[in-house]
């Protein structure tokens, strides 16, 4: 069927629609300088003018030559690490292939991971030392980033091995100057009502099974100096279970932090036999999360350091805790206290001296 077209009225004018661009956002206030995270990831340089960042992609921290040795490749933040942070990890002489990934080993020159990856500190200084360890990281991204950005570089950080992007967080923390540890999930007294996390060490398993879980935890990252217990109120008190774990940690050249969850922890008894670098927690800073209680705990920690020469406190990454630690740390200089990494407050026990043989009395002379 043919239809006659409808004529357009003479007064109708076709007006083109001009699509306007969205208005550009006008920044309010002075330009924002690049953050430590952008610098560490290679997105900016320390001397980058405020408001300018580059988009340089970060390089992988580790590459493998086909059929050849493990060759560590410097990450994108290597220039920043050389000036402000810790050297890129892992060191080629301190890793080997394991079942679940790469494991730390003692180097051919006798150097251990807890020494090579430690934050530099003058161990000859005679001033009392206080170390702070923030635990439970890599589980919540916001809390982890705040712990890295809002605490002084001398504060040590501990990451859960089952956390998200654990390798990236370890690299970022080291790039900003923090010494890092891994948490070792262990069975608490009221397990399973409280769950220490994936692949935890349990008293129901035999030592080979728990050692396998320890190997998995070790393979989750690189550049850490050792382990701190995550819960473990029951496991750390069973000598037959704990001894093989501490033996392996010492053999791998790592240190161990006893979180004092177990009233009868066997770590102090086992450490001398293994020459295991060991530190015991003196105070849980935010067991009471109120500001007044946290401030009092920090004061008590300083007093402990003045009495004993060193002290170690652990805390979570709650906003209040990070704020109080950030405000407290600058006051230590006037008190004659050094804020030290965990590796600077560990003790390396000497093995007990061998027992001297008992001399048998000479038989009486024959007549």
Protein backbone atom coordinates (compact mmCIF):
# COMPACT_ATOMS: atom_id res chain seq x y z
CA UNK A 1 0.00 0.00 0.00
CA UNK A 2 1.39 3.40 -0.92
CA UNK A 3 0.85 6.32 1.40
CA UNK A 4 1.45 9.94 0.63
CA UNK A 5 4.18 11.43 2.85
CA UNK A 6 3.05 13.95 5.40
CA UNK A 7 4.49 17.33 4.47
CA UNK A 8 6.59 19.12 7.08
CA UNK A 9 5.19 22.41 8.27
CA UNK A 10 7.14 25.32 6.84
CA UNK A 11 7.92 26.82 10.25
CA UNK A 12 9.60 23.63 11.60
CA UNK A 13 13.40 23.93 11.95
CA UNK A 14 15.67 20.97 12.76
CA UNK A 15 17.97 21.94 15.63
CA UNK A 16 21.07 19.76 16.12
CA UNK A 17 21.70 18.55 19.68
CA UNK A 18 25.18 19.47 20.88
CA UNK A 19 26.42 17.10 23.59
CA UNK A 20 28.47 19.07 26.05
CA UNK A 21 31.42 17.57 27.96
CA UNK A 22 31.08 17.09 31.65
CA UNK A 23 32.51 20.01 33.58
CA UNK A 24 36.01 19.46 34.85
CA UNK A 25 36.36 19.04 38.58
CA UNK A 26 37.97 22.02 40.21
CA UNK A 27 40.23 20.92 43.09
CA UNK A 28 39.58 22.61 46.38
CA UNK A 29 42.56 23.70 48.44
CA UNK A 30 46.29 23.19 47.75
CA UNK A 31 47.52 20.33 45.52
CA UNK A 32 47.81 17.01 47.34
CA UNK A 33 51.36 15.54 47.40
CA UNK A 34 51.82 11.93 46.27
CA UNK A 35 51.08 9.38 48.98
CA UNK A 36 53.58 6.85 50.29
CA UNK A 37 51.55 4.10 48.64
CA UNK A 38 51.78 5.76 45.17
CA UNK A 39 55.52 6.24 45.63
CA UNK A 40 56.05 2.68 46.82
CA UNK A 41 54.08 1.21 43.92
CA UNK A 42 56.00 3.27 41.38
CA UNK A 43 53.05 5.54 40.50
CA UNK A 44 54.97 8.62 41.65
CA UNK A 45 58.41 9.66 42.78
CA UNK A 46 59.32 11.35 46.06
CA UNK A 47 60.18 14.55 44.15
CA UNK A 48 56.96 14.53 42.07
CA UNK A 49 55.21 17.93 42.24
CA UNK A 50 51.92 17.85 44.16
CA UNK A 51 49.01 16.83 41.97
CA UNK A 52 51.10 14.97 39.36
CA UNK A 53 51.43 11.21 39.21
CA UNK A 54 52.65 8.84 36.60
CA UNK A 55 51.11 5.58 35.54
CA UNK A 56 54.21 3.41 35.46
CA UNK A 57 53.11 -0.19 36.04
CA UNK A 58 54.70 -2.13 38.85
CA UNK A 59 57.02 -4.98 37.95
CA UNK A 60 56.61 -8.47 39.41
CA UNK A 61 58.82 -8.99 42.46
CA UNK A 62 60.13 -12.37 41.33
CA UNK A 63 60.91 -14.06 38.00
CA UNK A 64 62.18 -17.52 37.24
CA UNK A 65 64.66 -18.49 34.57
CA UNK A 66 63.56 -21.66 32.82
CA UNK A 67 65.62 -24.43 34.31
CA UNK A 68 67.92 -21.97 36.06
CA UNK A 69 68.33 -20.49 39.51
CA UNK A 70 65.82 -18.21 41.14
CA UNK A 71 66.55 -14.64 40.09
CA UNK A 72 64.93 -11.88 42.16
CA UNK A 73 63.89 -8.95 39.99
CA UNK A 74 63.78 -5.52 41.69
CA UNK A 75 60.20 -4.27 42.05
CA UNK A 76 59.12 -0.94 40.62
CA UNK A 77 59.72 0.78 43.95
CA UNK A 78 63.42 -0.14 44.09
CA UNK A 79 64.58 3.48 43.78
CA UNK A 80 62.29 4.54 46.61
CA UNK A 81 63.36 1.58 48.72
CA UNK A 82 67.00 2.52 48.30
CA UNK A 83 66.33 5.96 49.81
CA UNK A 84 63.63 5.38 52.41
CA UNK A 85 62.50 1.78 52.66
CA UNK A 86 63.99 -1.68 52.94
CA UNK A 87 65.75 -3.49 50.15
CA UNK A 88 63.60 -5.55 47.77
CA UNK A 89 62.98 -9.16 48.75
CA UNK A 90 63.60 -12.03 48.37
CA UNK A 91 67.37 -12.36 48.36
CA UNK A 92 68.43 -15.07 45.90
CA UNK A 93 70.61 -16.81 48.48
CA UNK A 94 67.82 -17.06 51.07
CA UNK A 95 65.07 -19.00 49.26
CA UNK A 96 64.45 -22.46 47.92
CA UNK A 97 61.57 -24.19 46.17
CA UNK A 98 59.13 -26.01 48.43
CA UNK A 99 55.88 -27.90 48.11
CA UNK A 100 53.69 -24.80 48.25
CA UNK A 101 56.12 -22.18 46.92
CA UNK A 102 59.36 -20.58 48.01
CA UNK A 103 60.71 -21.15 51.51
CA UNK A 104 63.36 -19.22 53.46
CA UNK A 105 66.73 -20.86 54.09
CA UNK A 106 69.97 -19.87 55.76
CA UNK A 107 72.37 -18.47 53.14
CA UNK A 108 75.67 -20.04 52.18
CA UNK A 109 77.46 -17.25 54.05
CA UNK A 110 75.54 -18.05 57.23
CA UNK A 111 73.20 -15.05 56.98
CA UNK A 112 69.63 -15.63 58.12
CA UNK A 113 66.38 -14.09 56.95
CA UNK A 114 65.75 -12.46 60.33
CA UNK A 115 69.06 -10.58 59.94
CA UNK A 116 68.98 -9.76 56.22
CA UNK A 117 65.35 -8.60 56.12
CA UNK A 118 65.48 -6.73 59.42
CA UNK A 119 65.02 -2.98 59.58
CA UNK A 120 68.46 -1.46 60.25
CA UNK A 121 69.02 -0.52 63.87
CA UNK A 122 72.11 0.41 65.87
CA UNK A 123 72.39 -2.59 68.16
CA UNK A 124 75.26 -0.93 70.06
CA UNK A 125 72.96 1.85 71.32
CA UNK A 126 72.55 1.78 75.06
CA UNK A 127 69.21 3.60 75.28
CA UNK A 128 66.17 1.52 76.32
CA UNK A 129 64.27 0.09 73.36
CA UNK A 130 60.54 -0.22 72.79
CA UNK A 131 59.16 -2.26 69.91
CA UNK A 132 55.55 -2.15 68.66
CA UNK A 133 54.05 -4.94 66.57
CA UNK A 134 50.73 -4.38 64.79
CA UNK A 135 49.01 -7.72 64.11
CA UNK A 136 46.07 -9.03 62.10
CA UNK A 137 46.94 -7.31 58.81
CA UNK A 138 46.05 -8.32 55.21
CA UNK A 139 42.52 -9.28 56.29
CA UNK A 140 40.87 -5.85 55.98
CA UNK A 141 42.38 -3.61 53.29
CA UNK A 142 41.52 -0.31 54.99
CA UNK A 143 43.07 -1.30 58.33
CA UNK A 144 46.15 -2.71 56.59
CA UNK A 145 46.73 0.43 54.53
CA UNK A 146 46.25 2.63 57.60
CA UNK A 147 48.77 0.58 59.57
CA UNK A 148 51.33 1.03 56.80
CA UNK A 149 50.68 4.73 56.20
CA UNK A 150 49.86 6.03 59.68
CA UNK A 151 52.50 4.40 61.89
CA UNK A 152 56.20 5.31 62.05
CA UNK A 153 58.44 3.10 59.89
CA UNK A 154 60.08 1.68 63.02
CA UNK A 155 56.79 0.01 63.95
CA UNK A 156 56.77 -3.64 62.85
CA UNK A 157 53.79 -5.18 61.08
CA UNK A 158 52.49 -8.78 61.15
CA UNK A 159 50.33 -10.18 58.34
CA UNK A 160 47.98 -13.16 58.41
CA UNK A 161 49.23 -15.74 55.86
CA UNK A 162 45.67 -16.39 54.68
CA UNK A 163 45.07 -12.69 54.03
CA UNK A 164 44.30 -11.10 50.69
CA UNK A 165 47.20 -10.18 48.38
CA UNK A 166 49.66 -11.00 51.12
CA UNK A 167 52.72 -10.71 48.87
CA UNK A 168 51.76 -7.23 47.69
CA UNK A 169 51.15 -6.03 51.23
CA UNK A 170 54.53 -7.35 52.38
CA UNK A 171 56.28 -5.55 49.53
CA UNK A 172 54.42 -2.32 50.19
CA UNK A 173 55.13 -2.40 53.92
CA UNK A 174 58.85 -3.01 53.35
CA UNK A 175 58.97 -0.29 50.72
CA UNK A 176 57.73 2.21 53.29
CA UNK A 177 60.35 1.08 55.82
CA UNK A 178 58.39 -1.34 58.01
CA UNK A 179 59.88 -4.60 59.21
CA UNK A 180 57.36 -7.38 58.55
CA UNK A 181 56.42 -10.70 60.15
CA UNK A 182 53.86 -13.39 59.42
CA UNK A 183 51.27 -14.59 61.89
CA UNK A 184 51.18 -18.32 62.64
CA UNK A 185 47.59 -19.47 63.34
CA UNK A 186 47.54 -21.93 66.25
CA UNK A 187 44.86 -23.65 68.27
CA UNK A 188 43.37 -21.57 71.11
CA UNK A 189 42.07 -22.99 74.36
CA UNK A 190 38.42 -22.73 73.30
CA UNK A 191 38.79 -24.08 69.78
CA UNK A 192 36.60 -24.35 67.69
CA UNK A 193 34.49 -21.62 69.32
CA UNK A 194 37.34 -19.32 68.36
CA UNK A 195 38.88 -19.98 64.98
CA UNK A 196 42.51 -18.87 64.48
CA UNK A 197 42.14 -19.03 60.71
CA UNK A 198 42.81 -21.17 57.68
CA UNK A 199 45.47 -23.91 57.96
CA UNK A 200 45.94 -23.42 61.69
CA UNK A 201 48.23 -25.69 63.69
CA UNK A 202 46.12 -28.06 65.79
CA UNK A 203 46.94 -30.47 68.59
CA UNK A 204 44.76 -33.10 66.89
CA UNK A 205 47.29 -33.34 64.07
CA UNK A 206 50.60 -35.14 64.26
CA UNK A 207 53.85 -33.15 63.80
CA UNK A 208 54.25 -33.88 60.05
CA UNK A 209 50.80 -32.45 59.34
CA UNK A 210 51.49 -29.31 61.35
CA UNK A 211 54.90 -28.92 59.72
CA UNK A 212 53.19 -29.08 56.34
CA UNK A 213 50.88 -26.27 57.40
CA UNK A 214 53.86 -24.28 58.63
CA UNK A 215 55.48 -24.76 55.21
CA UNK A 216 52.34 -23.43 53.56
CA UNK A 217 52.41 -20.34 55.76
CA UNK A 218 56.10 -19.74 55.01
CA UNK A 219 55.46 -19.83 51.27
CA UNK A 220 52.86 -17.05 51.27
CA UNK A 221 55.37 -14.23 50.95
CA UNK A 222 58.97 -13.13 51.24
CA UNK A 223 60.98 -10.55 53.14
CA UNK A 224 59.59 -11.36 56.58
CA UNK A 225 61.87 -11.83 59.58
CA UNK A 226 59.83 -14.45 61.43
CA UNK A 227 56.53 -15.44 62.99
CA UNK A 228 54.27 -14.31 65.79
CA UNK A 229 51.59 -16.60 67.15
CA UNK A 230 47.98 -15.94 66.22
CA UNK A 231 45.97 -17.19 69.22
CA UNK A 232 47.60 -20.49 70.22
CA UNK A 233 46.67 -20.56 73.90
CA UNK A 234 46.48 -24.35 73.81
CA UNK A 235 48.98 -25.28 71.10
CA UNK A 236 51.88 -23.23 72.51
CA UNK A 237 51.62 -25.06 75.81
CA UNK A 238 52.05 -28.58 74.36
CA UNK A 239 55.76 -29.33 74.15
CA UNK A 240 55.46 -32.33 71.83
CA UNK A 241 53.54 -30.20 69.30
CA UNK A 242 55.42 -26.93 69.64
CA UNK A 243 58.99 -28.24 69.62
CA UNK A 244 59.04 -29.43 65.96
CA UNK A 245 57.54 -26.11 64.87
CA UNK A 246 60.14 -24.02 66.68
CA UNK A 247 62.90 -26.34 65.45
CA UNK A 248 61.84 -25.70 61.86
CA UNK A 249 61.50 -21.94 62.36
CA UNK A 250 65.02 -21.81 63.78
CA UNK A 251 66.39 -24.03 61.00
CA UNK A 252 64.94 -21.67 58.41
CA UNK A 253 66.76 -18.68 59.92
CA UNK A 254 63.67 -16.95 61.31
CA UNK A 255 62.75 -15.45 64.68
CA UNK A 256 59.69 -16.14 66.80
CA UNK A 257 57.55 -13.84 68.94
CA UNK A 258 55.76 -15.47 71.86
CA UNK A 259 52.41 -13.68 72.18
CA UNK A 260 51.98 -15.00 75.78
CA UNK A 261 48.60 -16.52 74.95
CA UNK A 262 49.59 -19.77 76.69
CA UNK A 263 50.23 -19.44 80.45
CA UNK A 264 52.74 -22.28 80.23
CA UNK A 265 54.34 -21.56 76.85
CA UNK A 266 57.22 -23.88 76.01
CA UNK A 267 58.94 -21.41 73.67
CA UNK A 268 61.35 -20.18 76.35
CA UNK A 269 62.40 -23.75 77.15
CA UNK A 270 62.86 -24.85 73.53
CA UNK A 271 64.63 -21.72 72.22
CA UNK A 272 68.06 -22.35 73.83
CA UNK A 273 68.38 -25.77 72.21
CA UNK A 274 67.69 -24.32 68.75
CA UNK A 275 69.48 -20.97 69.18
CA UNK A 276 66.10 -19.55 68.19
CA UNK A 277 65.88 -15.72 68.25
CA UNK A 278 62.97 -15.18 70.62
CA UNK A 279 61.01 -12.21 71.94
CA UNK A 280 58.17 -12.30 74.43
CA UNK A 281 55.31 -9.82 74.42
CA UNK A 282 55.32 -7.60 77.50
CA UNK A 283 51.99 -5.87 76.95
CA UNK A 284 48.89 -6.10 74.76
CA UNK A 285 48.38 -2.41 74.14
CA UNK A 286 44.70 -2.36 73.23
CA UNK A 287 43.24 -5.26 75.19
CA UNK A 288 41.07 -2.45 76.56
CA UNK A 289 40.30 -0.42 73.41
CA UNK A 290 39.60 2.88 75.15
CA UNK A 291 41.97 5.79 74.60
CA UNK A 292 42.86 6.16 78.27
CA UNK A 293 43.67 2.46 78.59
CA UNK A 294 45.82 2.50 75.43
CA UNK A 295 47.74 5.54 76.68
CA UNK A 296 48.33 3.86 80.04
CA UNK A 297 49.54 0.68 78.32
CA UNK A 298 52.06 2.68 76.30
CA UNK A 299 53.29 4.37 79.48
CA UNK A 300 53.68 0.96 81.14
CA UNK A 301 55.61 -0.26 78.11
CA UNK A 302 58.09 2.61 78.44
CA UNK A 303 58.54 1.91 82.14
CA UNK A 304 59.21 -1.75 81.35
CA UNK A 305 61.87 -0.74 78.85
CA UNK A 306 63.53 1.53 81.41
CA UNK A 307 63.69 -1.35 83.89
CA UNK A 308 64.71 -4.16 81.54
CA UNK A 309 66.40 -2.32 78.69
CA UNK A 310 63.78 -3.44 76.15
CA UNK A 311 60.05 -4.02 75.85
CA UNK A 312 57.67 -5.33 73.22
CA UNK A 313 53.99 -4.48 72.83
CA UNK A 314 51.47 -5.81 70.34
CA UNK A 315 48.26 -4.21 69.17
CA UNK A 316 45.57 -4.39 66.53
CA UNK A 317 45.13 -1.97 63.65
CA UNK A 318 42.02 -0.30 65.02
CA UNK A 319 41.74 3.42 64.19
CA UNK A 320 42.01 4.48 67.85
CA UNK A 321 45.10 2.35 68.43
CA UNK A 322 46.87 3.70 65.34
CA UNK A 323 46.04 7.28 66.32
CA UNK A 324 47.37 6.86 69.85
CA UNK A 325 50.58 5.14 68.69
CA UNK A 326 51.14 7.85 66.09
CA UNK A 327 50.80 10.58 68.73
CA UNK A 328 52.91 8.69 71.32
CA UNK A 329 55.89 7.75 69.14
CA UNK A 330 57.34 11.30 68.75
CA UNK A 331 57.45 11.69 72.55
CA UNK A 332 59.97 8.87 73.00
CA UNK A 333 62.97 10.98 71.98
CA UNK A 334 62.50 13.34 74.91
CA UNK A 335 62.22 10.34 77.24
CA UNK A 336 65.50 8.85 76.00
CA UNK A 337 63.76 5.82 74.47
CA UNK A 338 64.48 4.29 71.06
CA UNK A 339 61.57 3.03 68.98
CA UNK A 340 62.98 -0.22 67.60
CA UNK A 341 61.86 -2.98 65.24
CA UNK A 342 61.07 -6.41 66.65
CA UNK A 343 64.40 -7.81 65.43
CA UNK A 344 66.20 -5.38 67.74
CA UNK A 345 64.52 -6.68 70.93
CA UNK A 346 64.86 -10.43 70.39
CA UNK A 347 67.29 -12.49 72.41
CA UNK A 348 69.41 -15.20 70.81
CA UNK A 349 69.91 -17.69 73.64
CA UNK A 350 73.10 -19.65 73.90
CA UNK A 351 72.80 -23.40 74.11
CA UNK A 352 73.52 -24.86 77.54
CA UNK A 353 77.13 -25.96 78.00
CA UNK A 354 77.74 -29.67 77.61
CA UNK A 355 77.90 -31.61 80.80
CA UNK A 356 81.43 -32.50 81.84
CA UNK A 357 82.01 -36.24 82.09
CA UNK A 358 82.00 -37.61 85.59
CA UNK A 359 85.40 -38.95 86.45
CA UNK A 360 85.30 -42.42 87.89
CA UNK A 361 87.40 -42.93 90.99
CA UNK A 362 90.54 -44.96 90.48
CA UNK A 363 90.37 -48.45 91.86
CA UNK A 364 92.40 -48.99 95.01
CA UNK A 365 95.90 -50.34 94.40
CA UNK A 366 96.19 -54.11 94.58
CA UNK A 367 98.08 -55.41 97.58
